[in-house]
């Protein structure tokens, strides 16, 4: 991406590889994923990246939802450039803390 410096490689590659892992189509190679998204979307992904959601090693909350709820959460998460797990945890935190 625009002549990335060696010191900035991790800042660029981490969000791209993470999003590829979470949003790729079955059997889609990284190169195909980046081509499908295009430069502007990739750049936006890197600029909006806030890092991986911090997960507690002591507690693990597993949630189950019906298909419609899961698909709605997944679509909303994609619009926010997140994965559904990140969005679900934000929703739960906001509800519990409020």
PDB file of N, CA and C in Angstrom:
ATOM      1  N   UNK A   1       0.846  -1.185   0.000  1.00  0.00           N
ATOM      2  CA  UNK A   1       0.000   0.000   0.000  1.00  0.00           C
ATOM      3  C   UNK A   1       0.885   1.240   0.000  1.00  0.00           C
ATOM      4  N   UNK A   2       0.961   1.876  -1.109  1.00  0.00           N
ATOM      5  CA  UNK A   2       1.700   3.137  -1.233  1.00  0.00           C
ATOM      6  C   UNK A   2       3.077   3.113  -0.596  1.00  0.00           C
ATOM      7  N   UNK A   3       3.865   2.127  -0.954  1.00  0.00           N
ATOM      8  CA  UNK A   3       5.252   2.085  -0.481  1.00  0.00           C
ATOM      9  C   UNK A   3       5.340   2.034   1.049  1.00  0.00           C
ATOM     10  N   UNK A   4       4.840   1.017   1.646  1.00  0.00           N
ATOM     11  CA  UNK A   4       4.835   0.848   3.098  1.00  0.00           C
ATOM     12  C   UNK A   4       6.267   0.671   3.583  1.00  0.00           C
ATOM     13  N   UNK A   5       6.609   1.387   4.638  1.00  0.00           N
ATOM     14  CA  UNK A   5       7.933   1.255   5.234  1.00  0.00           C
ATOM     15  C   UNK A   5       7.989  -0.026   6.053  1.00  0.00           C
ATOM     16  N   UNK A   6       9.154  -0.597   6.179  1.00  0.00           N
ATOM     17  CA  UNK A   6       9.335  -1.850   6.908  1.00  0.00           C
ATOM     18  C   UNK A   6       8.791  -1.734   8.328  1.00  0.00           C
ATOM     19  N   UNK A   7       9.026  -0.624   8.977  1.00  0.00           N
ATOM     20  CA  UNK A   7       8.559  -0.443  10.360  1.00  0.00           C
ATOM     21  C   UNK A   7       7.034  -0.402  10.468  1.00  0.00           C
ATOM     22  N   UNK A   8       6.346  -0.146   9.349  1.00  0.00           N
ATOM     23  CA  UNK A   8       4.887  -0.047   9.362  1.00  0.00           C
ATOM     24  C   UNK A   8       4.197  -1.295   8.819  1.00  0.00           C
ATOM     25  N   UNK A   9       4.951  -2.312   8.461  1.00  0.00           N
ATOM     26  CA  UNK A   9       4.352  -3.512   7.871  1.00  0.00           C
ATOM     27  C   UNK A   9       3.313  -4.165   8.778  1.00  0.00           C
ATOM     28  N   UNK A  10       3.634  -4.289  10.048  1.00  0.00           N
ATOM     29  CA  UNK A  10       2.695  -4.938  10.968  1.00  0.00           C
ATOM     30  C   UNK A  10       1.390  -4.159  11.066  1.00  0.00           C
ATOM     31  N   UNK A  11       1.472  -2.814  11.094  1.00  0.00           N
ATOM     32  CA  UNK A  11       0.280  -1.976  11.187  1.00  0.00           C
ATOM     33  C   UNK A  11      -0.622  -2.137   9.965  1.00  0.00           C
ATOM     34  N   UNK A  12      -0.029  -2.460   8.827  1.00  0.00           N
ATOM     35  CA  UNK A  12      -0.798  -2.633   7.598  1.00  0.00           C
ATOM     36  C   UNK A  12      -1.277  -4.073   7.450  1.00  0.00           C
ATOM     37  N   UNK A  13      -0.406  -5.024   7.701  1.00  0.00           N
ATOM     38  CA  UNK A  13      -0.742  -6.426   7.448  1.00  0.00           C
ATOM     39  C   UNK A  13      -1.693  -7.028   8.477  1.00  0.00           C
ATOM     40  N   UNK A  14      -1.567  -6.634   9.739  1.00  0.00           N
ATOM     41  CA  UNK A  14      -2.426  -7.223  10.775  1.00  0.00           C
ATOM     42  C   UNK A  14      -3.911  -7.059  10.452  1.00  0.00           C
ATOM     43  N   UNK A  15      -4.390  -5.835  10.176  1.00  0.00           N
ATOM     44  CA  UNK A  15      -5.828  -5.711   9.880  1.00  0.00           C
ATOM     45  C   UNK A  15      -6.230  -6.413   8.585  1.00  0.00           C
ATOM     46  N   UNK A  16      -5.338  -6.421   7.603  1.00  0.00           N
ATOM     47  CA  UNK A  16      -5.680  -7.063   6.341  1.00  0.00           C
ATOM     48  C   UNK A  16      -5.779  -8.570   6.480  1.00  0.00           C
ATOM     49  N   UNK A  17      -4.809  -9.179   7.145  1.00  0.00           N
ATOM     50  CA  UNK A  17      -4.858 -10.629   7.340  1.00  0.00           C
ATOM     51  C   UNK A  17      -6.014 -11.022   8.246  1.00  0.00           C
ATOM     52  N   UNK A  18      -6.277 -10.225   9.271  1.00  0.00           N
ATOM     53  CA  UNK A  18      -7.376 -10.523  10.181  1.00  0.00           C
ATOM     54  C   UNK A  18      -8.714 -10.483   9.436  1.00  0.00           C
ATOM     55  N   UNK A  19      -8.905  -9.445   8.626  1.00  0.00           N
ATOM     56  CA  UNK A  19     -10.145  -9.327   7.868  1.00  0.00           C
ATOM     57  C   UNK A  19     -10.263 -10.423   6.814  1.00  0.00           C
ATOM     58  N   UNK A  20      -9.157 -10.812   6.212  1.00  0.00           N
ATOM     59  CA  UNK A  20      -9.174 -11.915   5.256  1.00  0.00           C
ATOM     60  C   UNK A  20      -9.632 -13.188   5.951  1.00  0.00           C
ATOM     61  N   UNK A  21      -9.054 -13.446   7.112  1.00  0.00           N
ATOM     62  CA  UNK A  21      -9.404 -14.658   7.854  1.00  0.00           C
ATOM     63  C   UNK A  21     -10.886 -14.673   8.231  1.00  0.00           C
ATOM     64  N   UNK A  22     -11.427 -13.518   8.569  1.00  0.00           N
ATOM     65  CA  UNK A  22     -12.816 -13.441   9.030  1.00  0.00           C
ATOM     66  C   UNK A  22     -13.833 -13.303   7.900  1.00  0.00           C
ATOM     67  N   UNK A  23     -13.429 -12.703   6.786  1.00  0.00           N
ATOM     68  CA  UNK A  23     -14.402 -12.339   5.764  1.00  0.00           C
ATOM     69  C   UNK A  23     -14.158 -12.947   4.392  1.00  0.00           C
ATOM     70  N   UNK A  24     -13.167 -13.806   4.282  1.00  0.00           N
ATOM     71  CA  UNK A  24     -12.890 -14.384   2.964  1.00  0.00           C
ATOM     72  C   UNK A  24     -13.966 -15.392   2.577  1.00  0.00           C
ATOM     73  N   UNK A  25     -14.091 -15.583   1.296  1.00  0.00           N
ATOM     74  CA  UNK A  25     -14.992 -16.609   0.789  1.00  0.00           C
ATOM     75  C   UNK A  25     -14.267 -17.937   0.884  1.00  0.00           C
ATOM     76  N   UNK A  26     -15.022 -19.008   0.925  1.00  0.00           N
ATOM     77  CA  UNK A  26     -14.414 -20.324   1.093  1.00  0.00           C
ATOM     78  C   UNK A  26     -13.370 -20.576   0.004  1.00  0.00           C
ATOM     79  N   UNK A  27     -12.154 -20.917   0.446  1.00  0.00           N
ATOM     80  CA  UNK A  27     -11.063 -21.228  -0.473  1.00  0.00           C
ATOM     81  C   UNK A  27     -10.419 -20.008  -1.116  1.00  0.00           C
ATOM     82  N   UNK A  28     -10.784 -18.816  -0.679  1.00  0.00           N
ATOM     83  CA  UNK A  28     -10.260 -17.595  -1.298  1.00  0.00           C
ATOM     84  C   UNK A  28      -8.857 -17.281  -0.773  1.00  0.00           C
ATOM     85  N   UNK A  29      -7.933 -17.148  -1.672  1.00  0.00           N
ATOM     86  CA  UNK A  29      -6.564 -16.785  -1.308  1.00  0.00           C
ATOM     87  C   UNK A  29      -6.511 -15.318  -0.905  1.00  0.00           C
ATOM     88  N   UNK A  30      -5.480 -14.961  -0.134  1.00  0.00           N
ATOM     89  CA  UNK A  30      -5.319 -13.574   0.311  1.00  0.00           C
ATOM     90  C   UNK A  30      -5.263 -12.629  -0.883  1.00  0.00           C
ATOM     91  N   UNK A  31      -4.517 -12.995  -1.906  1.00  0.00           N
ATOM     92  CA  UNK A  31      -4.391 -12.129  -3.086  1.00  0.00           C
ATOM     93  C   UNK A  31      -5.744 -11.918  -3.766  1.00  0.00           C
ATOM     94  N   UNK A  32      -6.559 -12.964  -3.828  1.00  0.00           N
ATOM     95  CA  UNK A  32      -7.890 -12.830  -4.432  1.00  0.00           C
ATOM     96  C   UNK A  32      -8.796 -11.954  -3.570  1.00  0.00           C
ATOM     97  N   UNK A  33      -8.674 -12.110  -2.256  1.00  0.00           N
ATOM     98  CA  UNK A  33      -9.456 -11.306  -1.318  1.00  0.00           C
ATOM     99  C   UNK A  33      -9.127  -9.823  -1.481  1.00  0.00           C
ATOM    100  N   UNK A  34      -7.847  -9.503  -1.538  1.00  0.00           N
ATOM    101  CA  UNK A  34      -7.450  -8.094  -1.657  1.00  0.00           C
ATOM    102  C   UNK A  34      -7.873  -7.516  -3.009  1.00  0.00           C
ATOM    103  N   UNK A  35      -7.814  -8.319  -4.049  1.00  0.00           N
ATOM    104  CA  UNK A  35      -8.266  -7.864  -5.367  1.00  0.00           C
ATOM    105  C   UNK A  35      -9.767  -7.609  -5.344  1.00  0.00           C
ATOM    106  N   UNK A  36     -10.512  -8.492  -4.722  1.00  0.00           N
ATOM    107  CA  UNK A  36     -11.967  -8.344  -4.639  1.00  0.00           C
ATOM    108  C   UNK A  36     -12.349  -7.082  -3.874  1.00  0.00           C
ATOM    109  N   UNK A  37     -11.670  -6.799  -2.763  1.00  0.00           N
ATOM    110  CA  UNK A  37     -11.997  -5.619  -1.973  1.00  0.00           C
ATOM    111  C   UNK A  37     -11.581  -4.331  -2.672  1.00  0.00           C
ATOM    112  N   UNK A  38     -10.428  -4.349  -3.291  1.00  0.00           N
ATOM    113  CA  UNK A  38      -9.928  -3.148  -3.956  1.00  0.00           C
ATOM    114  C   UNK A  38      -9.118  -2.273  -3.020  1.00  0.00           C
ATOM    115  N   UNK A  39      -8.305  -1.413  -3.611  1.00  0.00           N
ATOM    116  CA  UNK A  39      -7.365  -0.599  -2.848  1.00  0.00           C
ATOM    117  C   UNK A  39      -8.051   0.297  -1.825  1.00  0.00           C
ATOM    118  N   UNK A  40      -9.116   0.987  -2.231  1.00  0.00           N
ATOM    119  CA  UNK A  40      -9.759   1.949  -1.320  1.00  0.00           C
ATOM    120  C   UNK A  40     -10.329   1.271  -0.082  1.00  0.00           C
ATOM    121  N   UNK A  41     -10.967   0.119  -0.248  1.00  0.00           N
ATOM    122  CA  UNK A  41     -11.525  -0.600   0.903  1.00  0.00           C
ATOM    123  C   UNK A  41     -10.411  -1.133   1.800  1.00  0.00           C
ATOM    124  N   UNK A  42      -9.320  -1.606   1.190  1.00  0.00           N
ATOM    125  CA  UNK A  42      -8.184  -2.081   1.986  1.00  0.00           C
ATOM    126  C   UNK A  42      -7.585  -0.935   2.799  1.00  0.00           C
ATOM    127  N   UNK A  43      -7.420   0.204   2.164  1.00  0.00           N
ATOM    128  CA  UNK A  43      -6.864   1.375   2.847  1.00  0.00           C
ATOM    129  C   UNK A  43      -7.776   1.792   4.006  1.00  0.00           C
ATOM    130  N   UNK A  44      -9.080   1.792   3.761  1.00  0.00           N
ATOM    131  CA  UNK A  44     -10.050   2.131   4.810  1.00  0.00           C
ATOM    132  C   UNK A  44      -9.971   1.141   5.975  1.00  0.00           C
ATOM    133  N   UNK A  45      -9.813  -0.138   5.651  1.00  0.00           N
ATOM    134  CA  UNK A  45      -9.696  -1.169   6.685  1.00  0.00           C
ATOM    135  C   UNK A  45      -8.499  -0.901   7.586  1.00  0.00           C
ATOM    136  N   UNK A  46      -7.381  -0.561   6.981  1.00  0.00           N
ATOM    137  CA  UNK A  46      -6.162  -0.276   7.750  1.00  0.00           C
ATOM    138  C   UNK A  46      -6.344   0.989   8.591  1.00  0.00           C
ATOM    139  N   UNK A  47      -6.942   2.026   8.015  1.00  0.00           N
ATOM    140  CA  UNK A  47      -7.111   3.292   8.733  1.00  0.00           C
ATOM    141  C   UNK A  47      -8.060   3.167   9.919  1.00  0.00           C
ATOM    142  N   UNK A  48      -9.082   2.305   9.810  1.00  0.00           N
ATOM    143  CA  UNK A  48     -10.073   2.158  10.885  1.00  0.00           C
ATOM    144  C   UNK A  48      -9.672   1.118  11.930  1.00  0.00           C
ATOM    145  N   UNK A  49      -8.610   0.386  11.674  1.00  0.00           N
ATOM    146  CA  UNK A  49      -8.209  -0.717  12.553  1.00  0.00           C
ATOM    147  C   UNK A  49      -7.885  -0.215  13.947  1.00  0.00           C
ATOM    148  N   UNK A  50      -8.521  -0.808  14.939  1.00  0.00           N
ATOM    149  CA  UNK A  50      -8.273  -0.453  16.340  1.00  0.00           C
ATOM    150  C   UNK A  50      -7.625  -1.598  17.094  1.00  0.00           C
ATOM    151  N   UNK A  51      -7.226  -2.621  16.383  1.00  0.00           N
ATOM    152  CA  UNK A  51      -6.586  -3.765  17.013  1.00  0.00           C
ATOM    153  C   UNK A  51      -7.601  -4.848  17.327  1.00  0.00           C
ATOM    154  N   UNK A  52      -7.098  -5.972  17.729  1.00  0.00           N
ATOM    155  CA  UNK A  52      -7.957  -7.097  18.085  1.00  0.00           C
ATOM    156  C   UNK A  52      -8.697  -6.790  19.378  1.00  0.00           C
ATOM    157  N   UNK A  53      -9.897  -7.303  19.470  1.00  0.00           N
ATOM    158  CA  UNK A  53     -10.658  -7.146  20.704  1.00  0.00           C
ATOM    159  C   UNK A  53      -9.913  -7.856  21.828  1.00  0.00           C
ATOM    160  N   UNK A  54      -9.777  -7.174  22.921  1.00  0.00           N
ATOM    161  CA  UNK A  54      -9.087  -7.759  24.066  1.00  0.00           C
ATOM    162  C   UNK A  54      -9.989  -8.787  24.728  1.00  0.00           C
ATOM    163  N   UNK A  55      -9.549 -10.008  24.755  1.00  0.00           N
ATOM    164  CA  UNK A  55     -10.338 -11.071  25.375  1.00  0.00           C
ATOM    165  C   UNK A  55      -9.711 -11.452  26.707  1.00  0.00           C
ATOM    166  N   UNK A  56     -10.547 -11.620  27.670  1.00  0.00           N
ATOM    167  CA  UNK A  56     -10.061 -12.047  28.974  1.00  0.00           C
ATOM    168  C   UNK A  56      -9.669 -13.515  28.910  1.00  0.00           C
ATOM    169  N   UNK A  57      -8.576 -13.856  29.540  1.00  0.00           N
ATOM    170  CA  UNK A  57      -8.160 -15.255  29.546  1.00  0.00           C
ATOM    171  C   UNK A  57      -8.866 -16.031  30.658  1.00  0.00           C
ATOM    172  N   UNK A  58      -9.534 -15.315  31.551  1.00  0.00           N
ATOM    173  CA  UNK A  58     -10.180 -15.984  32.677  1.00  0.00           C
ATOM    174  C   UNK A  58     -11.640 -16.309  32.407  1.00  0.00           C
ATOM    175  N   UNK A  59     -12.272 -15.582  31.520  1.00  0.00           N
ATOM    176  CA  UNK A  59     -13.693 -15.762  31.307  1.00  0.00           C
ATOM    177  C   UNK A  59     -13.990 -15.950  29.825  1.00  0.00           C
ATOM    178  N   UNK A  60     -14.917 -16.811  29.536  1.00  0.00           N
ATOM    179  CA  UNK A  60     -15.308 -17.049  28.158  1.00  0.00           C
ATOM    180  C   UNK A  60     -16.826 -17.133  28.104  1.00  0.00           C
ATOM    181  N   UNK A  61     -17.423 -16.200  27.420  1.00  0.00           N
ATOM    182  CA  UNK A  61     -18.871 -16.154  27.307  1.00  0.00           C
ATOM    183  C   UNK A  61     -19.265 -16.657  25.925  1.00  0.00           C
ATOM    184  N   UNK A  62     -19.981 -17.763  25.871  1.00  0.00           N
ATOM    185  CA  UNK A  62     -20.443 -18.301  24.596  1.00  0.00           C
ATOM    186  C   UNK A  62     -21.917 -17.971  24.447  1.00  0.00           C
ATOM    187  N   UNK A  63     -22.246 -17.389  23.319  1.00  0.00           N
ATOM    188  CA  UNK A  63     -23.624 -17.006  23.058  1.00  0.00           C
ATOM    189  C   UNK A  63     -24.136 -17.733  21.821  1.00  0.00           C
ATOM    190  N   UNK A  64     -25.402 -18.039  21.839  1.00  0.00           N
ATOM    191  CA  UNK A  64     -26.034 -18.690  20.699  1.00  0.00           C
ATOM    192  C   UNK A  64     -27.222 -17.843  20.274  1.00  0.00           C
ATOM    193  N   UNK A  65     -27.425 -17.726  18.980  1.00  0.00           N
ATOM    194  CA  UNK A  65     -28.520 -16.927  18.465  1.00  0.00           C
ATOM    195  C   UNK A  65     -29.171 -17.668  17.302  1.00  0.00           C
ATOM    196  N   UNK A  66     -30.413 -17.303  17.022  1.00  0.00           N
ATOM    197  CA  UNK A  66     -31.068 -17.896  15.859  1.00  0.00           C
ATOM    198  C   UNK A  66     -30.406 -17.342  14.589  1.00  0.00           C
ATOM    199  N   UNK A  67     -30.662 -17.977  13.469  1.00  0.00           N
ATOM    200  CA  UNK A  67     -30.008 -17.628  12.213  1.00  0.00           C
ATOM    201  C   UNK A  67     -30.253 -16.176  11.812  1.00  0.00           C
ATOM    202  N   UNK A  68     -31.484 -15.695  11.924  1.00  0.00           N
ATOM    203  CA  UNK A  68     -31.797 -14.323  11.531  1.00  0.00           C
ATOM    204  C   UNK A  68     -31.034 -13.304  12.374  1.00  0.00           C
ATOM    205  N   UNK A  69     -30.984 -13.552  13.684  1.00  0.00           N
ATOM    206  CA  UNK A  69     -30.256 -12.647  14.577  1.00  0.00           C
ATOM    207  C   UNK A  69     -28.771 -12.655  14.253  1.00  0.00           C
ATOM    208  N   UNK A  70     -28.203 -13.837  14.047  1.00  0.00           N
ATOM    209  CA  UNK A  70     -26.789 -13.943  13.713  1.00  0.00           C
ATOM    210  C   UNK A  70     -26.481 -13.208  12.407  1.00  0.00           C
ATOM    211  N   UNK A  71     -27.308 -13.423  11.386  1.00  0.00           N
ATOM    212  CA  UNK A  71     -27.058 -12.781  10.090  1.00  0.00           C
ATOM    213  C   UNK A  71     -27.188 -11.266  10.182  1.00  0.00           C
ATOM    214  N   UNK A  72     -28.159 -10.788  10.965  1.00  0.00           N
ATOM    215  CA  UNK A  72     -28.312  -9.345  11.150  1.00  0.00           C
ATOM    216  C   UNK A  72     -27.100  -8.763  11.870  1.00  0.00           C
ATOM    217  N   UNK A  73     -26.621  -9.450  12.903  1.00  0.00           N
ATOM    218  CA  UNK A  73     -25.442  -9.004  13.650  1.00  0.00           C
ATOM    219  C   UNK A  73     -24.213  -9.007  12.748  1.00  0.00           C
ATOM    220  N   UNK A  74     -24.072 -10.047  11.939  1.00  0.00           N
ATOM    221  CA  UNK A  74     -22.930 -10.166  11.037  1.00  0.00           C
ATOM    222  C   UNK A  74     -22.925  -9.041  10.011  1.00  0.00           C
ATOM    223  N   UNK A  75     -24.079  -8.716   9.437  1.00  0.00           N
ATOM    224  CA  UNK A  75     -24.173  -7.632   8.452  1.00  0.00           C
ATOM    225  C   UNK A  75     -23.845  -6.284   9.089  1.00  0.00           C
ATOM    226  N   UNK A  76     -24.385  -6.038  10.279  1.00  0.00           N
ATOM    227  CA  UNK A  76     -24.101  -4.783  10.981  1.00  0.00           C
ATOM    228  C   UNK A  76     -22.611  -4.679  11.315  1.00  0.00           C
ATOM    229  N   UNK A  77     -22.029  -5.780  11.738  1.00  0.00           N
ATOM    230  CA  UNK A  77     -20.597  -5.788  12.052  1.00  0.00           C
ATOM    231  C   UNK A  77     -19.770  -5.462  10.812  1.00  0.00           C
ATOM    232  N   UNK A  78     -20.132  -6.032   9.673  1.00  0.00           N
ATOM    233  CA  UNK A  78     -19.398  -5.760   8.426  1.00  0.00           C
ATOM    234  C   UNK A  78     -19.467  -4.287   8.070  1.00  0.00           C
ATOM    235  N   UNK A  79     -20.637  -3.677   8.280  1.00  0.00           N
ATOM    236  CA  UNK A  79     -20.774  -2.248   7.994  1.00  0.00           C
ATOM    237  C   UNK A  79     -19.855  -1.410   8.879  1.00  0.00           C
ATOM    238  N   UNK A  80     -19.559  -1.919  10.066  1.00  0.00           N
ATOM    239  CA  UNK A  80     -18.685  -1.215  11.003  1.00  0.00           C
ATOM    240  C   UNK A  80     -17.244  -1.704  10.921  1.00  0.00           C
ATOM    241  N   UNK A  81     -16.967  -2.543   9.910  1.00  0.00           N
ATOM    242  CA  UNK A  81     -15.620  -3.086   9.707  1.00  0.00           C
ATOM    243  C   UNK A  81     -15.140  -3.860  10.933  1.00  0.00           C
ATOM    244  N   UNK A  82     -16.047  -4.671  11.478  1.00  0.00           N
ATOM    245  CA  UNK A  82     -15.746  -5.504  12.632  1.00  0.00           C
ATOM    246  C   UNK A  82     -16.211  -6.922  12.332  1.00  0.00           C
ATOM    247  N   UNK A  83     -15.912  -7.826  13.229  1.00  0.00           N
ATOM    248  CA  UNK A  83     -16.498  -9.150  13.127  1.00  0.00           C
ATOM    249  C   UNK A  83     -17.675  -9.198  14.105  1.00  0.00           C
ATOM    250  N   UNK A  84     -18.581 -10.131  13.873  1.00  0.00           N
ATOM    251  CA  UNK A  84     -19.790 -10.177  14.681  1.00  0.00           C
ATOM    252  C   UNK A  84     -19.489 -10.373  16.164  1.00  0.00           C
ATOM    253  N   UNK A  85     -18.434 -11.118  16.485  1.00  0.00           N
ATOM    254  CA  UNK A  85     -18.066 -11.323  17.887  1.00  0.00           C
ATOM    255  C   UNK A  85     -17.707  -9.995  18.556  1.00  0.00           C
ATOM    256  N   UNK A  86     -16.921  -9.162  17.866  1.00  0.00           N
ATOM    257  CA  UNK A  86     -16.545  -7.866  18.424  1.00  0.00           C
ATOM    258  C   UNK A  86     -17.784  -7.020  18.703  1.00  0.00           C
ATOM    259  N   UNK A  87     -18.686  -6.975  17.724  1.00  0.00           N
ATOM    260  CA  UNK A  87     -19.894  -6.172  17.878  1.00  0.00           C
ATOM    261  C   UNK A  87     -20.774  -6.710  19.009  1.00  0.00           C
ATOM    262  N   UNK A  88     -20.924  -8.016  19.075  1.00  0.00           N
ATOM    263  CA  UNK A  88     -21.735  -8.614  20.141  1.00  0.00           C
ATOM    264  C   UNK A  88     -21.165  -8.259  21.511  1.00  0.00           C
ATOM    265  N   UNK A  89     -19.855  -8.324  21.661  1.00  0.00           N
ATOM    266  CA  UNK A  89     -19.248  -8.004  22.950  1.00  0.00           C
ATOM    267  C   UNK A  89     -19.448  -6.530  23.297  1.00  0.00           C
ATOM    268  N   UNK A  90     -19.384  -5.637  22.298  1.00  0.00           N
ATOM    269  CA  UNK A  90     -19.643  -4.221  22.552  1.00  0.00           C
ATOM    270  C   UNK A  90     -21.084  -4.004  23.008  1.00  0.00           C
ATOM    271  N   UNK A  91     -22.010  -4.677  22.353  1.00  0.00           N
ATOM    272  CA  UNK A  91     -23.423  -4.551  22.711  1.00  0.00           C
ATOM    273  C   UNK A  91     -23.645  -5.018  24.147  1.00  0.00           C
ATOM    274  N   UNK A  92     -23.075  -6.160  24.489  1.00  0.00           N
ATOM    275  CA  UNK A  92     -23.222  -6.703  25.838  1.00  0.00           C
ATOM    276  C   UNK A  92     -22.602  -5.759  26.863  1.00  0.00           C
ATOM    277  N   UNK A  93     -21.375  -5.277  26.585  1.00  0.00           N
ATOM    278  CA  UNK A  93     -20.717  -4.350  27.512  1.00  0.00           C
ATOM    279  C   UNK A  93     -21.566  -3.104  27.734  1.00  0.00           C
ATOM    280  N   UNK A  94     -22.090  -2.527  26.633  1.00  0.00           N
ATOM    281  CA  UNK A  94     -22.888  -1.309  26.741  1.00  0.00           C
ATOM    282  C   UNK A  94     -24.183  -1.550  27.515  1.00  0.00           C
ATOM    283  N   UNK A  95     -24.783  -2.700  27.343  1.00  0.00           N
ATOM    284  CA  UNK A  95     -26.013  -3.030  28.042  1.00  0.00           C
ATOM    285  C   UNK A  95     -25.764  -3.268  29.526  1.00  0.00           C
ATOM    286  N   UNK A  96     -24.732  -3.995  29.827  1.00  0.00           N
ATOM    287  CA  UNK A  96     -24.435  -4.344  31.223  1.00  0.00           C
ATOM    288  C   UNK A  96     -23.935  -3.139  32.002  1.00  0.00           C
ATOM    289  N   UNK A  97     -23.111  -2.324  31.376  1.00  0.00           N
ATOM    290  CA  UNK A  97     -22.521  -1.174  32.070  1.00  0.00           C
ATOM    291  C   UNK A  97     -23.545  -0.054  32.220  1.00  0.00           C
ATOM    292  N   UNK A  98     -24.454   0.084  31.273  1.00  0.00           N
ATOM    293  CA  UNK A  98     -25.416   1.194  31.285  1.00  0.00           C
ATOM    294  C   UNK A  98     -26.380   1.136  32.432  1.00  0.00           C
TER     295      UNK A  98
END
